[in-house]
Amino acid sequence: MAAPDPHDPYAALRVANFRDYLLASFLGTIGRQAVTAAAAWEIYRWTNSATALGLVGLANVVPLLALSLPAGALADRVDRQRIIARCQWALAVLSALLAALSCWHDRIPAWAPLRAGNTLLRHIAGIFERHAEPGALRFDEPALPLMFLLLLVMAGVRVLAWPARSSIIPRLLPRAALGNAITWNSSAFEIATITGPAVAGLVIAWLTYLAGDGLERGYPAVYLLDVALGVTSCLLLRQVRCLPVAGPPSPAHHVGQDWLVGAKFIWRRKVILGANTLDLFATLLGAATTLVPVFAKEILHVGPLARGGLQAAPSLGAFGMAMWLAHRPPLARPGRMMLWSVAGFGVTILIFGLSQWFWLSFLALLAGGAFDNISVVVRQSLIQLLTPDALRGRVTAVNQIFIGTSNEAGALRAGLMGALVGPVNAVLLGGAGTIAVVLLVARSVPGLRRLPPLHTLRPE
């Protein structure tokens, strides 16, 4: 297979292997985002509890912390394509069970374990929602604990698949096209992130309108749509053929030691550590979108449509930046560009916190998403390019813990600081903290500033 021109913006898409994988991943991500959105909406409809929504996030975090490291070791020991396919089939089955649960939830008997589960959920909600009117929170749906159990298992399956998904890309196409592939993969993810919840909303709204009885319908249809997308993704994955890898196989380790190999590798490669630190704290401190509902209602005084626009703005900016990166030559100084982009992200957070006009807030979030995408592309490229294939799954797993937990912790930080010091001060402190972290990393990891073009990097 001839190596494509790295300046060709469509170099990766010309490789059938990567094209099939990208489409499979894109369809799977749309289904996953649609299910996540629909399940959260249905749980809120059953409970009328914001705490229940927070517990949906907890159901995603627990498997992330518990399974990421063993999942990374698995991705380095077992055929990655097989892991991805089997996990995708498992997710399709779980979505079918979710559809059945949603469709016939009113026929599930109130067995003692389900009543006990609802009692526990009610007590947790009571701790955080003391202001709620008595009886306003409803935890009497027998299907609710089963819904949380299915979401927990689904999150566990996705965590098991993620290191294999991320580390398989360098095996699908020539090395010269890898940077371009990472950019297109990022673009596809951003589009799917926007499309999934939108598709779920359209399906629910359409079926509710057709029913004409004023009751929300269509949740089972969303889950079944994910089944269809998942099966299609599996069929596409069967066409993918991985390229052979030169070099010795990964040496045997004790199981616990094996899991920590990825963390040790990142610690030795300071440029990867610095890039992860930048991304971690930018996400942790700059989680302004968590407070968008508060800003929309209390400061900008806009309705649901404008609020949805603010929520979508970062993803739109990230997609625009990804397309721009795909159509330009490789970055000459990617490390320096990453530092400037994270600093720019911090500035946009400050602008959003100070703004009292909708369009300025929208443009700030749009620019923030664009700056953040530069950081994401450079960080992912460093991990893929500097990591030997035998370690790539475990290194990706550690990176997954970095980024996954920072997303949830960032939302928690924004919410708690918003309650303590007000939403504006919470956002301003986050933006200022992001800029401070950039200065600290730039000084502490000089190798990041001197990083050569990405296509010249090689693993140890």
Protein backbone atom coordinates (compact mmCIF):
# COMPACT_ATOMS: atom_id res chain seq x y z
CA MET A 1 0.00 0.00 0.00
CA ALA A 2 1.55 3.30 -1.08
CA ALA A 3 1.98 5.97 1.56
CA PRO A 4 -0.35 8.91 0.88
CA ASP A 5 0.70 12.51 0.75
CA PRO A 6 0.44 13.91 4.33
CA HIS A 7 -0.73 17.25 2.84
CA ASP A 8 -3.71 15.58 1.19
CA PRO A 9 -6.74 16.56 3.35
CA TYR A 10 -8.52 13.35 2.35
CA ALA A 11 -5.50 11.03 2.66
CA ALA A 12 -7.04 8.89 5.41
CA LEU A 13 -10.44 8.73 3.73
CA ARG A 14 -8.87 7.27 0.60
CA VAL A 15 -7.92 4.15 2.60
CA ALA A 16 -10.86 1.72 2.55
CA ASN A 17 -9.84 0.15 5.87
CA PHE A 18 -10.02 3.42 7.75
CA ARG A 19 -13.12 4.57 5.86
CA ASP A 20 -15.07 1.47 6.90
CA TYR A 21 -13.88 1.77 10.49
CA LEU A 22 -14.72 5.47 10.64
CA LEU A 23 -18.26 4.89 9.37
CA ALA A 24 -18.75 2.01 11.82
CA SER A 25 -17.50 4.15 14.70
CA PHE A 26 -19.60 7.11 13.57
CA LEU A 27 -22.84 5.08 13.49
CA GLY A 28 -22.05 3.46 16.84
CA THR A 29 -21.39 6.85 18.44
CA ILE A 30 -24.65 8.31 17.11
CA GLY A 31 -26.54 5.39 18.64
CA ARG A 32 -24.68 5.71 21.94
CA GLN A 33 -25.34 9.45 22.20
CA ALA A 34 -29.01 8.96 21.29
CA VAL A 35 -29.44 6.25 23.96
CA THR A 36 -27.65 8.31 26.61
CA ALA A 37 -29.86 11.33 25.95
CA ALA A 38 -33.11 9.35 25.72
CA ALA A 39 -32.39 7.32 28.87
CA ALA A 40 -31.66 10.49 30.86
CA TRP A 41 -34.88 12.11 29.62
CA GLU A 42 -36.94 9.02 30.42
CA ILE A 43 -35.45 8.70 33.90
CA TYR A 44 -36.22 12.36 34.57
CA ARG A 45 -39.78 11.83 33.28
CA TRP A 46 -40.23 8.94 35.72
CA THR A 47 -38.62 10.66 38.75
CA ASN A 48 -38.77 14.46 38.29
CA SER A 49 -35.38 14.41 40.05
CA ALA A 50 -32.18 16.22 39.03
CA THR A 51 -30.27 13.90 41.34
CA ALA A 52 -31.41 10.96 39.25
CA LEU A 53 -29.75 12.63 36.25
CA GLY A 54 -26.56 12.94 38.27
CA LEU A 55 -26.72 9.24 39.06
CA VAL A 56 -26.81 8.53 35.32
CA GLY A 57 -23.41 10.25 35.17
CA LEU A 58 -22.24 8.18 38.14
CA ALA A 59 -23.25 5.02 36.29
CA ASN A 60 -20.80 6.07 33.56
CA VAL A 61 -17.95 7.00 35.93
CA VAL A 62 -17.86 3.84 38.07
CA PRO A 63 -17.01 1.47 35.17
CA LEU A 64 -14.53 4.04 33.86
CA LEU A 65 -12.55 3.93 37.09
CA ALA A 66 -12.95 0.20 37.66
CA LEU A 67 -12.37 -1.22 34.18
CA SER A 68 -10.18 1.18 32.17
CA LEU A 69 -6.81 -0.30 33.17
CA PRO A 70 -7.79 -3.97 32.64
CA ALA A 71 -9.48 -2.94 29.37
CA GLY A 72 -6.19 -1.41 28.20
CA ALA A 73 -4.28 -4.59 29.04
CA LEU A 74 -6.94 -6.61 27.20
CA ALA A 75 -6.54 -4.43 24.10
CA ASP A 76 -2.81 -5.20 24.06
CA ARG A 77 -3.31 -8.97 24.52
CA VAL A 78 -6.35 -9.79 22.37
CA ASP A 79 -7.21 -8.91 18.79
CA ARG A 80 -8.60 -5.37 18.99
CA GLN A 81 -10.99 -5.79 16.11
CA ARG A 82 -12.56 -8.79 17.85
CA ILE A 83 -12.94 -6.82 21.11
CA ILE A 84 -14.67 -3.95 19.32
CA ALA A 85 -17.04 -6.23 17.38
CA ARG A 86 -18.04 -8.30 20.40
CA CYS A 87 -18.62 -5.24 22.55
CA GLN A 88 -20.72 -3.69 19.78
CA TRP A 89 -22.86 -6.84 19.59
CA ALA A 90 -23.25 -6.79 23.38
CA LEU A 91 -24.34 -3.15 23.28
CA ALA A 92 -26.94 -3.97 20.61
CA VAL A 93 -28.38 -6.71 22.85
CA LEU A 94 -28.42 -4.38 25.86
CA SER A 95 -30.18 -1.66 23.85
CA ALA A 96 -32.81 -4.24 22.82
CA LEU A 97 -33.34 -5.05 26.51
CA LEU A 98 -33.59 -1.33 27.23
CA ALA A 99 -36.27 -0.99 24.54
CA ALA A 100 -38.24 -3.90 26.03
CA LEU A 101 -37.93 -2.40 29.52
CA SER A 102 -39.12 0.99 28.31
CA CYS A 103 -42.00 -0.45 26.28
CA TRP A 104 -43.39 -2.71 29.02
CA HIS A 105 -42.22 -0.88 32.15
CA ASP A 106 -45.79 -0.69 33.48
CA ARG A 107 -46.04 -4.51 33.51
CA ILE A 108 -43.03 -5.07 35.77
CA PRO A 109 -44.14 -6.19 39.23
CA ALA A 110 -42.93 -4.28 42.27
CA TRP A 111 -40.66 -7.02 43.58
CA ALA A 112 -38.90 -6.45 46.90
CA PRO A 113 -35.40 -5.86 45.39
CA LEU A 114 -36.84 -3.25 43.02
CA ARG A 115 -38.68 -1.51 45.87
CA ALA A 116 -35.45 -1.51 47.88
CA GLY A 117 -33.60 0.00 44.91
CA ASN A 118 -36.16 2.78 44.57
CA THR A 119 -36.01 3.45 48.32
CA LEU A 120 -32.22 3.85 48.12
CA LEU A 121 -32.53 6.20 45.13
CA ARG A 122 -35.18 8.24 46.97
CA HIS A 123 -32.92 8.62 50.03
CA ILE A 124 -30.00 9.77 47.86
CA ALA A 125 -32.21 12.31 46.09
CA GLY A 126 -33.52 13.54 49.44
CA ILE A 127 -29.98 14.40 50.57
CA PHE A 128 -29.37 16.72 47.61
CA GLU A 129 -32.89 18.01 46.94
CA ARG A 130 -34.09 19.13 50.34
CA HIS A 131 -35.79 22.11 48.69
CA ALA A 132 -38.11 19.88 46.69
CA GLU A 133 -41.77 19.75 47.65
CA PRO A 134 -42.85 16.55 49.45
CA GLY A 135 -44.13 14.12 46.86
CA ALA A 136 -42.56 16.02 43.96
CA LEU A 137 -39.85 13.41 43.58
CA ARG A 138 -41.23 10.12 42.31
CA PHE A 139 -39.27 6.92 42.85
CA ASP A 140 -42.12 4.46 42.51
CA GLU A 141 -41.39 3.06 39.03
CA PRO A 142 -40.31 -0.61 39.42
CA ALA A 143 -38.39 -0.43 36.13
CA LEU A 144 -36.17 2.41 37.39
CA PRO A 145 -33.53 0.27 39.22
CA LEU A 146 -33.43 -2.06 36.21
CA MET A 147 -32.86 0.94 33.93
CA PHE A 148 -29.89 2.05 36.04
CA LEU A 149 -28.54 -1.51 36.05
CA LEU A 150 -28.68 -1.72 32.25
CA LEU A 151 -27.01 1.69 31.89
CA LEU A 152 -24.25 0.58 34.28
CA VAL A 153 -23.60 -2.60 32.28
CA MET A 154 -23.67 -0.67 28.99
CA ALA A 155 -21.13 1.80 30.35
CA GLY A 156 -18.92 -1.12 31.41
CA VAL A 157 -19.04 -2.63 27.92
CA ARG A 158 -18.18 0.73 26.32
CA VAL A 159 -15.20 1.14 28.67
CA LEU A 160 -13.94 -2.35 27.74
CA ALA A 161 -14.13 -1.42 24.04
CA TRP A 162 -12.66 2.08 24.23
CA PRO A 163 -8.90 1.31 24.47
CA ALA A 164 -9.24 -1.11 21.54
CA ARG A 165 -11.18 1.50 19.53
CA SER A 166 -8.62 4.21 20.12
CA SER A 167 -5.51 2.07 19.65
CA ILE A 168 -6.61 0.28 16.47
CA ILE A 169 -6.46 3.36 14.22
CA PRO A 170 -2.66 3.22 13.56
CA ARG A 171 -3.16 -0.39 12.38
CA LEU A 172 -5.63 0.62 9.65
CA LEU A 173 -3.60 2.86 7.35
CA PRO A 174 -0.03 3.99 6.49
CA ARG A 175 1.75 6.02 9.12
CA ALA A 176 1.94 9.09 6.88
CA ALA A 177 -1.86 9.40 7.00
CA LEU A 178 -2.23 8.87 10.77
CA GLY A 179 -2.42 12.55 11.73
CA ASN A 180 -5.06 13.12 9.06
CA ALA A 181 -6.96 10.05 10.32
CA ILE A 182 -7.01 11.37 13.90
CA THR A 183 -8.38 14.70 12.66
CA TRP A 184 -11.18 12.99 10.69
CA ASN A 185 -11.92 10.72 13.64
CA SER A 186 -12.27 13.79 15.86
CA SER A 187 -14.58 15.42 13.28
CA ALA A 188 -16.77 12.33 13.08
CA PHE A 189 -17.02 12.19 16.87
CA GLU A 190 -18.09 15.85 17.10
CA ILE A 191 -20.76 15.39 14.41
CA ALA A 192 -22.06 12.26 16.12
CA THR A 193 -22.12 14.05 19.48
CA ILE A 194 -24.44 16.69 18.00
CA THR A 195 -26.46 14.29 15.84
CA GLY A 196 -27.21 11.58 18.42
CA PRO A 197 -29.25 13.65 20.92
CA ALA A 198 -30.90 15.54 18.03
CA VAL A 199 -32.03 12.28 16.42
CA ALA A 200 -33.35 11.04 19.78
CA GLY A 201 -35.30 14.26 20.26
CA LEU A 202 -36.77 14.14 16.75
CA VAL A 203 -37.86 10.50 17.10
CA ILE A 204 -39.52 11.15 20.47
CA ALA A 205 -41.18 14.37 19.27
CA TRP A 206 -42.46 12.75 16.06
CA LEU A 207 -43.94 9.67 17.76
CA THR A 208 -45.43 11.82 20.52
CA TYR A 209 -47.11 13.98 17.86
CA LEU A 210 -48.44 10.93 16.01
CA ALA A 211 -49.90 9.50 19.23
CA GLY A 212 -51.79 12.74 19.85
CA ASP A 213 -52.54 11.94 23.50
CA GLY A 214 -50.18 14.46 25.10
CA LEU A 215 -47.91 11.73 26.52
CA GLU A 216 -44.26 11.46 25.57
CA ARG A 217 -43.59 8.42 23.41
CA GLY A 218 -40.81 7.05 21.29
CA TYR A 219 -38.18 6.05 23.86
CA PRO A 220 -38.24 2.35 22.83
CA ALA A 221 -37.86 3.45 19.19
CA VAL A 222 -34.65 5.34 20.07
CA TYR A 223 -33.21 2.27 21.76
CA LEU A 224 -34.16 0.07 18.79
CA LEU A 225 -32.54 2.60 16.47
CA ASP A 226 -29.32 2.05 18.41
CA VAL A 227 -29.72 -1.70 17.86
CA ALA A 228 -29.98 -1.14 14.09
CA LEU A 229 -26.98 1.20 14.06
CA GLY A 230 -24.98 -1.21 16.20
CA VAL A 231 -25.65 -4.17 13.90
CA THR A 232 -24.71 -2.06 10.87
CA SER A 233 -21.51 -1.03 12.66
CA CYS A 234 -20.64 -4.69 13.31
CA LEU A 235 -21.14 -5.58 9.66
CA LEU A 236 -18.85 -2.74 8.59
CA LEU A 237 -16.19 -3.85 11.08
CA ARG A 238 -16.09 -7.29 9.46
CA GLN A 239 -14.63 -5.64 6.34
CA VAL A 240 -11.75 -4.00 8.22
CA ARG A 241 -8.31 -5.61 7.93
CA CYS A 242 -5.51 -4.57 10.27
CA LEU A 243 -2.00 -4.01 8.94
CA PRO A 244 0.84 -6.13 10.39
CA VAL A 245 3.02 -4.56 13.07
CA ALA A 246 6.79 -4.80 13.11
CA GLY A 247 8.59 -5.37 16.36
CA PRO A 248 8.60 -7.84 19.25
CA PRO A 249 5.41 -8.73 21.14
CA SER A 250 4.66 -7.18 24.47
CA PRO A 251 6.55 -8.95 27.29
CA ALA A 252 4.66 -10.78 30.01
CA HIS A 253 4.01 -8.98 33.29
CA HIS A 254 2.26 -9.69 36.54
CA VAL A 255 -1.40 -8.71 36.08
CA GLY A 256 -1.36 -5.67 38.38
CA GLN A 257 2.03 -4.57 37.05
CA ASP A 258 0.75 -5.05 33.49
CA TRP A 259 -2.09 -2.59 34.08
CA LEU A 260 0.36 0.07 35.31
CA VAL A 261 2.67 -0.13 32.29
CA GLY A 262 0.63 2.57 30.50
CA ALA A 263 0.90 4.97 33.45
CA LYS A 264 4.67 4.38 33.70
CA PHE A 265 5.09 5.02 29.99
CA ILE A 266 3.19 8.34 30.16
CA TRP A 267 5.25 9.37 33.20
CA ARG A 268 8.50 8.76 31.25
CA ARG A 269 7.32 10.61 28.13
CA LYS A 270 7.01 14.13 29.55
CA VAL A 271 5.50 15.61 26.40
CA ILE A 272 2.56 13.18 26.64
CA LEU A 273 2.28 13.87 30.38
CA GLY A 274 2.32 17.62 29.72
CA ALA A 275 -0.32 17.33 26.99
CA ASN A 276 -2.55 15.21 29.24
CA THR A 277 -2.09 17.66 32.11
CA LEU A 278 -3.13 20.54 29.88
CA ASP A 279 -6.23 18.71 28.68
CA LEU A 280 -7.10 17.46 32.15
CA PHE A 281 -7.07 20.89 33.80
CA ALA A 282 -8.64 22.67 30.83
CA THR A 283 -11.58 20.27 31.10
CA LEU A 284 -11.65 20.39 34.90
CA LEU A 285 -11.47 24.17 35.19
CA GLY A 286 -13.18 25.27 31.98
CA ALA A 287 -16.44 23.29 32.18
CA ALA A 288 -18.56 26.34 31.41
CA THR A 289 -21.22 24.41 29.50
CA THR A 290 -22.33 22.81 32.78
CA LEU A 291 -23.65 26.22 33.85
CA VAL A 292 -25.22 27.11 30.48
CA PRO A 293 -28.79 26.54 31.79
CA VAL A 294 -28.11 29.00 34.64
CA PHE A 295 -26.56 31.63 32.34
CA ALA A 296 -29.36 31.22 29.78
CA LYS A 297 -32.09 31.79 32.35
CA GLU A 298 -30.59 34.18 34.89
CA ILE A 299 -28.10 36.28 32.88
CA LEU A 300 -28.84 36.08 29.16
CA HIS A 301 -32.64 35.70 29.62
CA VAL A 302 -33.13 33.40 26.63
CA GLY A 303 -35.43 30.44 26.03
CA PRO A 304 -34.93 26.72 25.34
CA LEU A 305 -33.99 27.16 21.66
CA ALA A 306 -31.19 29.62 22.43
CA ARG A 307 -30.09 27.46 25.35
CA GLY A 308 -29.78 24.51 22.98
CA GLY A 309 -27.68 26.69 20.66
CA LEU A 310 -25.32 27.52 23.53
CA GLN A 311 -25.00 23.83 24.43
CA ALA A 312 -24.22 22.92 20.82
CA ALA A 313 -21.77 25.80 20.21
CA PRO A 314 -18.60 24.04 21.52
CA SER A 315 -19.22 20.98 19.34
CA LEU A 316 -19.90 23.17 16.31
CA GLY A 317 -16.65 25.06 16.91
CA ALA A 318 -14.74 21.80 17.37
CA PHE A 319 -16.11 20.40 14.13
CA GLY A 320 -15.21 23.57 12.22
CA MET A 321 -11.67 23.51 13.58
CA ALA A 322 -11.28 19.80 12.80
CA MET A 323 -12.26 20.42 9.19
CA TRP A 324 -9.80 23.32 8.97
CA LEU A 325 -6.99 21.19 10.39
CA ALA A 326 -7.79 18.42 7.90
CA HIS A 327 -7.45 20.81 4.95
CA ARG A 328 -4.17 22.45 5.95
CA PRO A 329 -0.57 21.16 6.08
CA PRO A 330 0.56 19.47 9.32
CA LEU A 331 1.26 21.84 12.21
CA ALA A 332 4.90 22.93 12.18
CA ARG A 333 5.01 23.46 15.97
CA PRO A 334 2.17 21.30 17.40
CA GLY A 335 3.26 21.60 21.05
CA ARG A 336 3.45 25.38 20.91
CA MET A 337 0.10 25.47 19.09
CA MET A 338 -1.43 23.30 21.81
CA LEU A 339 -0.23 25.66 24.54
CA TRP A 340 -1.63 28.69 22.70
CA SER A 341 -4.93 26.90 21.98
CA VAL A 342 -5.49 25.96 25.64
CA ALA A 343 -4.66 29.54 26.64
CA GLY A 344 -7.16 30.73 24.02
CA PHE A 345 -9.71 28.31 25.48
CA GLY A 346 -9.19 29.93 28.89
CA VAL A 347 -9.71 33.40 27.40
CA THR A 348 -13.00 32.33 25.76
CA ILE A 349 -14.19 31.02 29.13
CA LEU A 350 -13.44 34.43 30.66
CA ILE A 351 -15.38 36.15 27.86
CA PHE A 352 -18.34 33.81 28.37
CA GLY A 353 -18.33 34.51 32.11
CA LEU A 354 -18.35 38.30 31.58
CA SER A 355 -20.81 38.38 28.66
CA GLN A 356 -24.37 39.58 29.06
CA TRP A 357 -25.27 39.24 25.37
CA PHE A 358 -26.40 35.99 23.80
CA TRP A 359 -24.39 36.27 20.58
CA LEU A 360 -21.15 37.12 22.38
CA SER A 361 -21.67 34.14 24.68
CA PHE A 362 -22.43 31.90 21.70
CA LEU A 363 -19.29 33.05 19.84
CA ALA A 364 -17.17 32.58 22.97
CA LEU A 365 -18.35 28.98 23.37
CA LEU A 366 -17.93 28.40 19.62
CA ALA A 367 -14.32 29.64 19.73
CA GLY A 368 -13.71 27.64 22.91
CA GLY A 369 -14.76 24.45 21.14
CA ALA A 370 -12.44 25.28 18.24
CA PHE A 371 -9.44 25.90 20.52
CA ASP A 372 -10.22 22.75 22.49
CA ASN A 373 -10.22 20.65 19.32
CA ILE A 374 -6.64 21.68 18.52
CA SER A 375 -5.62 20.42 21.95
CA VAL A 376 -7.54 17.16 21.46
CA VAL A 377 -6.00 16.45 18.04
CA VAL A 378 -2.43 17.15 19.21
CA ARG A 379 -2.84 15.08 22.40
CA GLN A 380 -4.36 12.10 20.59
CA SER A 381 -1.70 12.31 17.89
CA LEU A 382 1.10 12.29 20.47
CA ILE A 383 -0.32 9.19 22.14
CA GLN A 384 -0.77 7.31 18.87
CA LEU A 385 2.56 8.35 17.34
CA LEU A 386 4.89 8.03 20.35
CA THR A 387 3.45 4.81 21.80
CA PRO A 388 4.61 1.38 20.56
CA ASP A 389 1.72 -0.75 19.33
CA ALA A 390 2.29 -3.32 22.08
CA LEU A 391 1.57 -0.65 24.74
CA ARG A 392 -1.02 1.43 22.91
CA GLY A 393 -4.08 -0.11 24.57
CA ARG A 394 -2.76 0.42 28.11
CA VAL A 395 -1.56 3.95 27.39
CA THR A 396 -4.94 4.78 25.85
CA ALA A 397 -6.67 3.36 28.94
CA VAL A 398 -4.73 5.70 31.25
CA ASN A 399 -5.54 8.60 28.96
CA GLN A 400 -9.20 7.57 29.10
CA ILE A 401 -9.15 7.83 32.89
CA PHE A 402 -7.50 11.26 32.67
CA ILE A 403 -10.08 12.70 30.31
CA GLY A 404 -13.20 10.77 31.32
CA THR A 405 -12.95 11.59 35.01
CA SER A 406 -12.02 15.21 34.31
CA ASN A 407 -15.24 15.67 32.33
CA GLU A 408 -17.37 14.51 35.24
CA ALA A 409 -15.21 16.22 37.88
CA GLY A 410 -15.30 19.43 35.84
CA ALA A 411 -19.08 19.38 35.78
CA LEU A 412 -19.10 18.78 39.55
CA ARG A 413 -16.59 21.61 40.15
CA ALA A 414 -18.62 24.05 38.09
CA GLY A 415 -21.86 23.11 39.83
CA LEU A 416 -20.47 23.30 43.36
CA MET A 417 -18.53 26.53 42.76
CA GLY A 418 -21.59 27.99 41.05
CA ALA A 419 -23.54 27.31 44.23
CA LEU A 420 -20.78 28.67 46.51
CA VAL A 421 -19.57 31.82 44.71
CA GLY A 422 -22.16 32.32 41.95
CA PRO A 423 -22.08 31.17 38.32
CA VAL A 424 -20.14 34.16 36.97
CA ASN A 425 -17.35 33.90 39.53
CA ALA A 426 -17.21 30.12 39.07
CA VAL A 427 -16.65 30.51 35.32
CA LEU A 428 -14.15 33.36 35.70
CA LEU A 429 -12.07 31.42 38.23
CA GLY A 430 -12.09 28.42 35.89
CA GLY A 431 -10.89 30.49 32.93
CA ALA A 432 -8.14 32.17 34.95
CA GLY A 433 -7.07 28.80 36.36
CA THR A 434 -6.82 27.35 32.84
CA ILE A 435 -4.46 30.14 31.74
CA ALA A 436 -2.36 29.64 34.89
CA VAL A 437 -2.02 25.91 34.13
CA VAL A 438 -0.81 26.73 30.60
CA LEU A 439 1.95 28.94 32.00
CA LEU A 440 2.95 26.26 34.51
CA VAL A 441 3.08 23.44 31.92
CA ALA A 442 4.94 25.61 29.39
CA ARG A 443 7.61 26.25 32.01
CA SER A 444 7.73 22.72 33.44
CA VAL A 445 7.71 20.76 30.14
CA PRO A 446 9.98 22.68 27.73
CA GLY A 447 9.98 19.68 25.38
CA LEU A 448 6.34 20.43 24.56
CA ARG A 449 7.28 23.87 23.24
CA ARG A 450 10.04 22.36 21.08
CA LEU A 451 7.95 19.48 19.72
CA PRO A 452 8.67 18.93 15.98
CA PRO A 453 5.93 18.33 13.34
CA LEU A 454 3.74 15.38 14.27
CA HIS A 455 4.44 13.35 11.13
CA THR A 456 8.16 13.23 12.07
CA LEU A 457 7.54 11.57 15.48
CA ARG A 458 8.36 7.91 16.08
CA PRO A 459 7.68 5.58 19.04
CA GLU A 460 10.41 4.37 21.38
